[in-house]
Amino acid sequence: MIASTARRVAAKLRGSSLPRSSLNFLRRELERLQEKFKKRSERIAELEKQVQEKEKELADAQKKIAEQEKQITDLERQLALRKRNSTNSSKPPSSDGLAGEQRPRGRKHKSQRKPGGQPGHPGHHRPLIPTAEVNVHESAAAGTLPALRAKAAAKVRPSDNGGGATTASGDGDSGD
């Protein structure tokens, strides 16, 4: 554009009757403008080359991003499959295997309460029977366990021996 304008001005000046100083000035101005035009054209070419390089880099980066997004999606899918176990799917516990994460069992955290009855709870106890219904009270300190077993075996209830009296020997017979 500048070059065509400069050519038109130069063509008009050749056939004109301007003083030599004006013509020299215009020639220098024309040369300066042509040089400026040449430099700007070179700069534009450099910038266009840079734009092409940046577009290529951008395309490569977009391609790399797409590949990485695909890889991320695949890894997320694999992780979801690995985390699937009997607690979060319809799979039986036997299919959990040893490779996967063990599912948590039991309480998640320790309770703040102490074991046993809590304060303010009324409680439930077995009522004691009246002393009139108690036949014999023997203390465990009276003898050893085998001696207590022998005493218990010696005592036979009347219903056990057919209605007869209990003897000291514990045989339950009436002298036959």
N, C-alpha and C. Protein backbone atom coordinates (compact mmCIF):
# COMPACT_ATOMS: atom_id res chain seq x y z
N MET A 1 0.82 -1.19 0.00
CA MET A 1 0.00 0.00 0.00
C MET A 1 0.87 1.26 0.00
N ILE A 2 1.82 1.27 0.87
CA ILE A 2 2.72 2.43 0.90
C ILE A 2 3.56 2.46 -0.37
N ALA A 3 3.99 1.31 -0.84
CA ALA A 3 4.82 1.25 -2.05
C ALA A 3 4.05 1.76 -3.26
N SER A 4 2.79 1.38 -3.38
CA SER A 4 2.01 1.86 -4.54
C SER A 4 1.78 3.36 -4.45
N THR A 5 1.58 3.87 -3.26
CA THR A 5 1.41 5.32 -3.08
C THR A 5 2.71 6.03 -3.43
N ALA A 6 3.83 5.50 -3.02
CA ALA A 6 5.12 6.10 -3.32
C ALA A 6 5.38 6.10 -4.81
N ARG A 7 5.00 5.06 -5.53
CA ARG A 7 5.20 5.00 -6.98
C ARG A 7 4.35 6.05 -7.69
N ARG A 8 3.13 6.19 -7.21
CA ARG A 8 2.26 7.20 -7.84
C ARG A 8 2.79 8.62 -7.62
N VAL A 9 3.28 8.86 -6.42
CA VAL A 9 3.84 10.19 -6.14
C VAL A 9 5.08 10.42 -6.99
N ALA A 10 5.92 9.41 -7.13
CA ALA A 10 7.16 9.54 -7.93
C ALA A 10 6.81 9.77 -9.39
N ALA A 11 5.79 9.14 -9.90
CA ALA A 11 5.40 9.31 -11.30
C ALA A 11 4.88 10.72 -11.53
N LYS A 12 4.15 11.23 -10.59
CA LYS A 12 3.63 12.59 -10.74
C LYS A 12 4.75 13.62 -10.65
N LEU A 13 5.74 13.35 -9.81
CA LEU A 13 6.83 14.30 -9.63
C LEU A 13 7.76 14.36 -10.85
N ARG A 14 7.88 13.32 -11.60
CA ARG A 14 8.79 13.31 -12.75
C ARG A 14 8.33 14.30 -13.83
N GLY A 15 7.05 14.38 -13.94
CA GLY A 15 6.57 15.28 -14.99
C GLY A 15 6.20 16.65 -14.47
N SER A 16 6.57 16.98 -13.26
CA SER A 16 6.16 18.27 -12.71
C SER A 16 7.31 19.27 -12.74
N SER A 17 6.97 20.48 -12.49
CA SER A 17 7.98 21.52 -12.54
C SER A 17 8.26 22.04 -11.12
N LEU A 18 8.66 21.18 -10.19
CA LEU A 18 8.98 21.58 -8.82
C LEU A 18 10.47 21.91 -8.74
N PRO A 19 10.85 22.73 -7.80
CA PRO A 19 12.26 23.03 -7.62
C PRO A 19 13.04 21.78 -7.22
N ARG A 20 14.33 21.79 -7.52
CA ARG A 20 15.19 20.63 -7.25
C ARG A 20 15.24 20.32 -5.77
N SER A 21 15.25 21.23 -4.89
CA SER A 21 15.33 20.97 -3.45
C SER A 21 14.07 20.23 -2.97
N SER A 22 12.94 20.60 -3.54
CA SER A 22 11.70 19.92 -3.16
C SER A 22 11.73 18.49 -3.69
N LEU A 23 12.25 18.32 -4.89
CA LEU A 23 12.34 16.97 -5.45
C LEU A 23 13.29 16.09 -4.63
N ASN A 24 14.42 16.65 -4.22
CA ASN A 24 15.37 15.88 -3.40
C ASN A 24 14.74 15.50 -2.04
N PHE A 25 14.02 16.46 -1.50
CA PHE A 25 13.36 16.18 -0.21
C PHE A 25 12.35 15.04 -0.37
N LEU A 26 11.59 15.13 -1.43
CA LEU A 26 10.57 14.10 -1.67
C LEU A 26 11.21 12.74 -1.96
N ARG A 27 12.34 12.72 -2.64
CA ARG A 27 13.02 11.46 -2.90
C ARG A 27 13.54 10.84 -1.60
N ARG A 28 14.13 11.68 -0.76
CA ARG A 28 14.62 11.18 0.53
C ARG A 28 13.45 10.65 1.38
N GLU A 29 12.36 11.39 1.32
CA GLU A 29 11.16 10.97 2.07
C GLU A 29 10.65 9.65 1.53
N LEU A 30 10.64 9.51 0.23
CA LEU A 30 10.21 8.27 -0.41
C LEU A 30 11.12 7.11 0.00
N GLU A 31 12.42 7.32 -0.02
CA GLU A 31 13.37 6.28 0.38
C GLU A 31 13.18 5.90 1.84
N ARG A 32 12.95 6.90 2.67
CA ARG A 32 12.73 6.63 4.11
C ARG A 32 11.46 5.80 4.30
N LEU A 33 10.41 6.17 3.61
CA LEU A 33 9.15 5.43 3.72
C LEU A 33 9.29 4.00 3.18
N GLN A 34 10.05 3.86 2.08
CA GLN A 34 10.26 2.52 1.53
C GLN A 34 11.05 1.65 2.51
N GLU A 35 12.06 2.24 3.13
CA GLU A 35 12.85 1.50 4.13
C GLU A 35 11.98 1.11 5.32
N LYS A 36 11.15 2.05 5.77
CA LYS A 36 10.24 1.79 6.88
C LYS A 36 9.26 0.68 6.50
N PHE A 37 8.77 0.72 5.29
CA PHE A 37 7.85 -0.29 4.79
C PHE A 37 8.53 -1.66 4.76
N LYS A 38 9.79 -1.69 4.31
CA LYS A 38 10.54 -2.94 4.22
C LYS A 38 10.74 -3.53 5.62
N LYS A 39 11.10 -2.68 6.61
CA LYS A 39 11.31 -3.15 7.98
C LYS A 39 10.01 -3.68 8.57
N ARG A 40 8.92 -2.97 8.32
CA ARG A 40 7.63 -3.41 8.85
C ARG A 40 7.18 -4.72 8.21
N SER A 41 7.44 -4.87 6.96
CA SER A 41 7.10 -6.11 6.26
C SER A 41 7.89 -7.29 6.85
N GLU A 42 9.18 -7.04 7.12
CA GLU A 42 10.00 -8.08 7.74
C GLU A 42 9.49 -8.43 9.14
N ARG A 43 9.12 -7.38 9.89
CA ARG A 43 8.59 -7.59 11.26
C ARG A 43 7.28 -8.37 11.20
N ILE A 44 6.43 -8.05 10.24
CA ILE A 44 5.16 -8.77 10.08
C ILE A 44 5.43 -10.23 9.75
N ALA A 45 6.41 -10.48 8.89
CA ALA A 45 6.76 -11.86 8.54
C ALA A 45 7.26 -12.62 9.77
N GLU A 46 8.09 -11.97 10.59
CA GLU A 46 8.57 -12.59 11.82
C GLU A 46 7.42 -12.92 12.76
N LEU A 47 6.51 -11.96 12.92
CA LEU A 47 5.37 -12.15 13.82
C LEU A 47 4.45 -13.27 13.31
N GLU A 48 4.25 -13.33 12.00
CA GLU A 48 3.43 -14.40 11.44
C GLU A 48 4.07 -15.77 11.69
N LYS A 49 5.42 -15.82 11.59
CA LYS A 49 6.13 -17.06 11.86
C LYS A 49 5.97 -17.45 13.33
N GLN A 50 6.07 -16.46 14.24
CA GLN A 50 5.88 -16.72 15.67
C GLN A 50 4.45 -17.20 15.96
N VAL A 51 3.48 -16.59 15.29
CA VAL A 51 2.09 -16.99 15.48
C VAL A 51 1.90 -18.45 15.06
N GLN A 52 2.51 -18.82 13.92
CA GLN A 52 2.41 -20.21 13.46
C GLN A 52 3.05 -21.16 14.47
N GLU A 53 4.21 -20.77 15.02
CA GLU A 53 4.88 -21.61 16.01
C GLU A 53 4.02 -21.76 17.26
N LYS A 54 3.44 -20.65 17.72
CA LYS A 54 2.58 -20.67 18.91
C LYS A 54 1.32 -21.51 18.66
N GLU A 55 0.77 -21.42 17.45
CA GLU A 55 -0.41 -22.22 17.13
C GLU A 55 -0.05 -23.71 17.15
N LYS A 56 1.17 -24.03 16.66
CA LYS A 56 1.61 -25.42 16.67
C LYS A 56 1.80 -25.89 18.12
N GLU A 57 2.43 -25.06 18.97
CA GLU A 57 2.61 -25.39 20.38
C GLU A 57 1.26 -25.57 21.07
N LEU A 58 0.32 -24.68 20.75
CA LEU A 58 -1.01 -24.77 21.34
C LEU A 58 -1.70 -26.07 20.93
N ALA A 59 -1.60 -26.43 19.67
CA ALA A 59 -2.20 -27.67 19.19
C ALA A 59 -1.57 -28.87 19.89
N ASP A 60 -0.23 -28.86 20.04
CA ASP A 60 0.44 -29.94 20.75
C ASP A 60 -0.01 -30.01 22.21
N ALA A 61 -0.12 -28.85 22.85
CA ALA A 61 -0.55 -28.81 24.25
C ALA A 61 -1.99 -29.32 24.38
N GLN A 62 -2.87 -28.93 23.46
CA GLN A 62 -4.25 -29.41 23.51
C GLN A 62 -4.31 -30.92 23.30
N LYS A 63 -3.47 -31.43 22.42
CA LYS A 63 -3.42 -32.88 22.18
C LYS A 63 -2.95 -33.60 23.45
N LYS A 64 -1.92 -33.03 24.09
CA LYS A 64 -1.39 -33.63 25.32
C LYS A 64 -2.44 -33.58 26.43
N ILE A 65 -3.16 -32.48 26.54
CA ILE A 65 -4.21 -32.35 27.55
C ILE A 65 -5.30 -33.39 27.31
N ALA A 66 -5.69 -33.57 26.06
CA ALA A 66 -6.72 -34.56 25.73
C ALA A 66 -6.26 -35.97 26.11
N GLU A 67 -4.99 -36.30 25.83
CA GLU A 67 -4.44 -37.61 26.19
C GLU A 67 -4.43 -37.79 27.71
N GLN A 68 -4.03 -36.75 28.43
CA GLN A 68 -3.97 -36.84 29.89
C GLN A 68 -5.37 -36.95 30.50
N GLU A 69 -6.34 -36.23 29.93
CA GLU A 69 -7.71 -36.35 30.42
C GLU A 69 -8.23 -37.77 30.21
N LYS A 70 -7.89 -38.36 29.07
CA LYS A 70 -8.29 -39.74 28.79
C LYS A 70 -7.64 -40.68 29.80
N GLN A 71 -6.36 -40.46 30.09
CA GLN A 71 -5.64 -41.29 31.05
C GLN A 71 -6.25 -41.13 32.45
N ILE A 72 -6.58 -39.91 32.84
CA ILE A 72 -7.19 -39.66 34.15
C ILE A 72 -8.52 -40.38 34.26
N THR A 73 -9.34 -40.31 33.21
CA THR A 73 -10.63 -40.98 33.23
C THR A 73 -10.44 -42.49 33.38
N ASP A 74 -9.47 -43.04 32.67
CA ASP A 74 -9.21 -44.47 32.75
C ASP A 74 -8.74 -44.86 34.15
N LEU A 75 -7.85 -44.06 34.74
CA LEU A 75 -7.37 -44.36 36.09
C LEU A 75 -8.48 -44.23 37.12
N GLU A 76 -9.37 -43.24 36.97
CA GLU A 76 -10.50 -43.11 37.88
C GLU A 76 -11.41 -44.32 37.78
N ARG A 77 -11.63 -44.82 36.57
CA ARG A 77 -12.47 -46.00 36.38
C ARG A 77 -11.83 -47.21 37.05
N GLN A 78 -10.51 -47.37 36.88
CA GLN A 78 -9.81 -48.48 37.51
C GLN A 78 -9.87 -48.39 39.04
N LEU A 79 -9.73 -47.18 39.56
CA LEU A 79 -9.80 -46.99 41.00
C LEU A 79 -11.19 -47.31 41.52
N ALA A 80 -12.22 -46.90 40.81
CA ALA A 80 -13.59 -47.21 41.22
C ALA A 80 -13.83 -48.71 41.24
N LEU A 81 -13.29 -49.41 40.24
CA LEU A 81 -13.45 -50.87 40.21
C LEU A 81 -12.69 -51.53 41.36
N ARG A 82 -11.53 -50.98 41.68
CA ARG A 82 -10.73 -51.57 42.76
C ARG A 82 -11.37 -51.33 44.12
N LYS A 83 -12.04 -50.20 44.27
CA LYS A 83 -12.66 -49.90 45.56
C LYS A 83 -14.01 -50.59 45.73
N ARG A 84 -14.52 -51.20 44.67
CA ARG A 84 -15.81 -51.88 44.78
C ARG A 84 -15.61 -53.18 45.56
N ASN A 85 -16.36 -53.34 46.63
CA ASN A 85 -16.29 -54.57 47.40
C ASN A 85 -17.68 -54.95 47.87
N SER A 86 -17.78 -55.88 48.79
CA SER A 86 -19.08 -56.39 49.19
C SER A 86 -19.91 -55.35 49.94
N THR A 87 -19.27 -54.32 50.50
CA THR A 87 -20.04 -53.32 51.25
C THR A 87 -20.70 -52.29 50.34
N ASN A 88 -20.15 -52.03 49.15
CA ASN A 88 -20.72 -50.99 48.30
C ASN A 88 -21.18 -51.54 46.95
N SER A 89 -21.40 -52.84 46.85
CA SER A 89 -21.93 -53.41 45.62
C SER A 89 -22.68 -54.69 45.99
N SER A 90 -23.17 -55.37 44.98
CA SER A 90 -23.92 -56.59 45.23
C SER A 90 -23.02 -57.82 45.24
N LYS A 91 -21.71 -57.62 45.29
CA LYS A 91 -20.77 -58.73 45.30
C LYS A 91 -20.79 -59.43 46.66
N PRO A 92 -20.59 -60.75 46.70
CA PRO A 92 -20.51 -61.43 48.00
C PRO A 92 -19.17 -61.14 48.67
N PRO A 93 -19.11 -61.25 50.00
CA PRO A 93 -17.85 -60.96 50.71
C PRO A 93 -16.70 -61.86 50.28
N SER A 94 -17.01 -63.06 49.82
CA SER A 94 -15.93 -63.97 49.42
C SER A 94 -15.20 -63.47 48.18
N SER A 95 -15.83 -62.59 47.40
CA SER A 95 -15.17 -62.08 46.20
C SER A 95 -14.31 -60.85 46.46
N ASP A 96 -14.27 -60.39 47.71
CA ASP A 96 -13.45 -59.21 48.03
C ASP A 96 -11.97 -59.51 47.80
N GLY A 97 -11.54 -60.71 48.11
CA GLY A 97 -10.16 -61.08 47.86
C GLY A 97 -9.19 -60.44 48.85
N LEU A 98 -7.92 -60.74 48.65
CA LEU A 98 -6.89 -60.22 49.55
C LEU A 98 -6.25 -58.96 49.03
N ALA A 99 -6.37 -58.70 47.74
CA ALA A 99 -5.68 -57.57 47.13
C ALA A 99 -6.34 -56.24 47.48
N GLY A 100 -7.64 -56.26 47.68
CA GLY A 100 -8.36 -55.01 47.90
C GLY A 100 -8.23 -54.51 49.33
N GLU A 101 -8.81 -53.37 49.56
CA GLU A 101 -8.82 -52.75 50.87
C GLU A 101 -9.78 -53.52 51.77
N GLN A 102 -9.39 -53.79 52.99
CA GLN A 102 -10.27 -54.49 53.91
C GLN A 102 -11.36 -53.54 54.37
N ARG A 103 -12.58 -54.07 54.47
CA ARG A 103 -13.66 -53.20 54.91
C ARG A 103 -13.58 -53.04 56.42
N PRO A 104 -13.92 -51.88 56.95
CA PRO A 104 -13.82 -51.65 58.39
C PRO A 104 -14.89 -52.46 59.13
N ARG A 105 -14.51 -53.01 60.24
CA ARG A 105 -15.45 -53.78 61.05
C ARG A 105 -15.47 -53.20 62.46
N GLY A 106 -16.58 -53.38 63.13
CA GLY A 106 -16.69 -52.91 64.50
C GLY A 106 -16.99 -51.43 64.58
N ARG A 107 -16.86 -50.92 65.79
CA ARG A 107 -17.14 -49.51 66.00
C ARG A 107 -16.07 -48.62 65.36
N LYS A 108 -16.49 -47.47 64.95
CA LYS A 108 -15.54 -46.55 64.33
C LYS A 108 -14.71 -45.81 65.38
N HIS A 109 -15.27 -45.62 66.55
CA HIS A 109 -14.51 -44.94 67.60
C HIS A 109 -14.96 -45.46 68.96
N LYS A 110 -14.14 -45.32 69.97
CA LYS A 110 -14.42 -45.81 71.30
C LYS A 110 -15.48 -44.93 71.96
N SER A 111 -16.39 -45.59 72.66
CA SER A 111 -17.46 -44.87 73.34
C SER A 111 -16.90 -44.16 74.58
N GLN A 112 -17.55 -43.10 74.99
CA GLN A 112 -17.12 -42.36 76.17
C GLN A 112 -17.69 -42.97 77.46
N ARG A 113 -18.65 -43.88 77.34
CA ARG A 113 -19.29 -44.47 78.52
C ARG A 113 -18.46 -45.63 79.05
N LYS A 114 -18.55 -45.84 80.36
CA LYS A 114 -17.89 -46.97 80.98
C LYS A 114 -18.78 -48.20 80.80
N PRO A 115 -18.17 -49.41 80.78
CA PRO A 115 -19.00 -50.61 80.64
C PRO A 115 -19.85 -50.84 81.89
N GLY A 116 -20.97 -51.53 81.72
CA GLY A 116 -21.85 -51.84 82.84
C GLY A 116 -23.04 -50.90 82.89
N GLY A 117 -23.78 -50.98 84.00
CA GLY A 117 -24.96 -50.14 84.15
C GLY A 117 -24.59 -48.67 84.22
N GLN A 118 -25.39 -47.86 83.58
CA GLN A 118 -25.11 -46.43 83.54
C GLN A 118 -25.84 -45.73 84.68
N PRO A 119 -25.31 -44.60 85.14
CA PRO A 119 -25.97 -43.88 86.25
C PRO A 119 -27.39 -43.49 85.87
N GLY A 120 -28.30 -43.73 86.82
CA GLY A 120 -29.70 -43.38 86.59
C GLY A 120 -30.53 -44.51 86.03
N HIS A 121 -29.91 -45.63 85.64
CA HIS A 121 -30.66 -46.77 85.10
C HIS A 121 -31.24 -47.56 86.26
N PRO A 122 -32.57 -47.91 86.23
CA PRO A 122 -33.18 -48.56 87.40
C PRO A 122 -32.65 -49.97 87.67
N GLY A 123 -32.28 -50.71 86.67
CA GLY A 123 -31.73 -52.05 86.87
C GLY A 123 -32.83 -53.09 87.04
N HIS A 124 -32.50 -54.33 86.76
CA HIS A 124 -33.44 -55.45 86.88
C HIS A 124 -32.71 -56.55 87.63
N HIS A 125 -33.30 -57.01 88.75
CA HIS A 125 -32.66 -58.02 89.58
C HIS A 125 -33.63 -59.17 89.81
N ARG A 126 -33.10 -60.37 90.05
CA ARG A 126 -33.92 -61.53 90.38
C ARG A 126 -34.33 -61.40 91.84
N PRO A 127 -35.59 -61.49 92.11
CA PRO A 127 -36.02 -61.32 93.51
C PRO A 127 -35.58 -62.51 94.37
N LEU A 128 -35.27 -62.23 95.62
CA LEU A 128 -34.88 -63.28 96.55
C LEU A 128 -36.13 -64.04 96.99
N ILE A 129 -35.96 -65.35 97.25
CA ILE A 129 -37.11 -66.12 97.76
C ILE A 129 -37.17 -65.98 99.27
N PRO A 130 -38.35 -66.11 99.87
CA PRO A 130 -38.46 -65.95 101.33
C PRO A 130 -37.67 -67.06 102.05
N THR A 131 -37.20 -66.78 103.23
CA THR A 131 -36.40 -67.76 103.99
C THR A 131 -37.21 -68.98 104.37
N ALA A 132 -38.52 -68.88 104.45
CA ALA A 132 -39.35 -70.03 104.81
C ALA A 132 -39.30 -71.09 103.72
N GLU A 133 -39.06 -70.71 102.51
CA GLU A 133 -38.99 -71.66 101.41
C GLU A 133 -37.61 -72.28 101.23
N VAL A 134 -36.63 -71.79 101.95
CA VAL A 134 -35.27 -72.31 101.83
C VAL A 134 -35.16 -73.53 102.73
N ASN A 135 -34.74 -74.72 102.19
CA ASN A 135 -34.64 -75.96 102.95
C ASN A 135 -33.40 -75.95 103.82
N VAL A 136 -32.25 -75.85 103.21
CA VAL A 136 -31.00 -75.95 103.94
C VAL A 136 -30.07 -74.87 103.43
N HIS A 137 -29.39 -74.28 104.37
CA HIS A 137 -28.38 -73.30 104.01
C HIS A 137 -27.04 -73.82 104.46
N GLU A 138 -26.16 -74.14 103.52
CA GLU A 138 -24.84 -74.62 103.87
C GLU A 138 -23.83 -73.64 103.31
N SER A 139 -22.83 -73.40 104.09
CA SER A 139 -21.80 -72.49 103.60
C SER A 139 -20.75 -73.28 102.86
N ALA A 140 -20.14 -72.66 101.90
CA ALA A 140 -19.10 -73.32 101.12
C ALA A 140 -17.84 -73.51 101.94
N ALA A 141 -17.69 -72.73 103.00
CA ALA A 141 -16.50 -72.84 103.83
C ALA A 141 -16.55 -74.05 104.75
N ALA A 142 -17.74 -74.69 104.88
CA ALA A 142 -17.87 -75.83 105.78
C ALA A 142 -17.09 -77.03 105.28
N GLY A 143 -16.90 -77.15 104.03
CA GLY A 143 -16.16 -78.29 103.53
C GLY A 143 -15.66 -78.03 102.13
N THR A 144 -15.01 -79.00 101.62
CA THR A 144 -14.51 -78.86 100.27
C THR A 144 -15.59 -79.25 99.29
N LEU A 145 -15.35 -79.04 98.07
CA LEU A 145 -16.32 -79.34 97.03
C LEU A 145 -16.66 -80.83 96.98
N PRO A 146 -15.70 -81.73 97.05
CA PRO A 146 -16.08 -83.16 97.04
C PRO A 146 -16.94 -83.54 98.24
N ALA A 147 -16.67 -82.94 99.41
CA ALA A 147 -17.48 -83.24 100.58
C ALA A 147 -18.91 -82.75 100.40
N LEU A 148 -19.06 -81.57 99.80
CA LEU A 148 -20.40 -81.04 99.54
C LEU A 148 -21.14 -81.92 98.54
N ARG A 149 -20.44 -82.46 97.56
CA ARG A 149 -21.07 -83.34 96.58
C ARG A 149 -21.54 -84.64 97.24
N ALA A 150 -20.73 -85.13 98.15
CA ALA A 150 -21.10 -86.36 98.87
C ALA A 150 -22.35 -86.14 99.70
N LYS A 151 -22.45 -84.99 100.38
CA LYS A 151 -23.63 -84.68 101.18
C LYS A 151 -24.86 -84.57 100.29
N ALA A 152 -24.71 -83.94 99.13
CA ALA A 152 -25.84 -83.79 98.21
C ALA A 152 -26.28 -85.13 97.68
N ALA A 153 -25.36 -86.04 97.43
CA ALA A 153 -25.70 -87.37 96.93
C ALA A 153 -26.38 -88.20 98.02
N ALA A 154 -26.01 -87.98 99.31
CA ALA A 154 -26.59 -88.73 100.41
C ALA A 154 -28.04 -88.34 100.66
N LYS A 155 -28.38 -87.14 100.39
CA LYS A 155 -29.75 -86.68 100.58
C LYS A 155 -30.57 -87.10 99.38
N VAL A 156 -31.59 -87.86 99.60
CA VAL A 156 -32.45 -88.29 98.52
C VAL A 156 -33.86 -87.85 98.86
N ARG A 157 -34.56 -87.37 97.94
CA ARG A 157 -35.92 -86.90 98.18
C ARG A 157 -36.86 -88.10 98.26
N PRO A 158 -37.99 -87.96 98.95
CA PRO A 158 -38.92 -89.07 99.08
C PRO A 158 -39.47 -89.53 97.73
N SER A 159 -39.63 -88.66 96.78
CA SER A 159 -40.17 -89.05 95.48
C SER A 159 -39.18 -89.89 94.69
N ASP A 160 -37.89 -89.84 95.05
CA ASP A 160 -36.86 -90.59 94.32
C ASP A 160 -36.86 -92.08 94.67
N ASN A 161 -37.20 -92.47 95.91
CA ASN A 161 -37.10 -93.86 96.30
C ASN A 161 -38.46 -94.52 96.49
N GLY A 162 -39.48 -94.01 95.92
CA GLY A 162 -40.79 -94.63 95.97
C GLY A 162 -41.56 -94.33 97.22
N GLY A 163 -41.29 -93.30 97.94
CA GLY A 163 -42.07 -92.88 99.10
C GLY A 163 -41.49 -93.34 100.41
N GLY A 164 -40.40 -94.05 100.41
CA GLY A 164 -39.78 -94.54 101.65
C GLY A 164 -39.00 -93.46 102.33
N ALA A 165 -38.55 -93.71 103.55
CA ALA A 165 -37.79 -92.75 104.33
C ALA A 165 -36.33 -92.80 103.90
N THR A 166 -35.67 -91.71 104.10
CA THR A 166 -34.27 -91.63 103.74
C THR A 166 -33.44 -92.15 104.91
N THR A 167 -32.45 -92.97 104.61
CA THR A 167 -31.60 -93.50 105.67
C THR A 167 -30.30 -92.72 105.70
N ALA A 168 -29.56 -92.93 106.75
CA ALA A 168 -28.30 -92.23 106.90
C ALA A 168 -27.29 -92.73 105.88
N SER A 169 -27.40 -93.98 105.51
CA SER A 169 -26.45 -94.52 104.56
C SER A 169 -26.77 -94.03 103.16
N GLY A 170 -28.02 -93.62 102.95
CA GLY A 170 -28.40 -93.05 101.66
C GLY A 170 -28.83 -94.08 100.67
N ASP A 171 -29.10 -95.39 101.11
CA ASP A 171 -29.47 -96.38 100.12
C ASP A 171 -30.96 -96.33 99.83
N GLY A 172 -31.80 -95.78 100.73
CA GLY A 172 -33.21 -95.60 100.48
C GLY A 172 -34.04 -96.85 100.68
N ASP A 173 -33.46 -97.99 101.14
CA ASP A 173 -34.22 -99.22 101.34
C ASP A 173 -34.69 -99.29 102.79
N SER A 174 -35.73 -100.05 103.03
CA SER A 174 -36.26 -100.14 104.39
C SER A 174 -35.85 -101.44 105.06
N GLY A 175 -34.77 -101.97 104.77
CA GLY A 175 -34.19 -103.11 105.47
C GLY A 175 -34.42 -104.43 104.80
N ASP A 176 -34.69 -104.58 103.57
CA ASP A 176 -34.89 -105.87 102.90
C ASP A 176 -33.63 -106.60 102.74
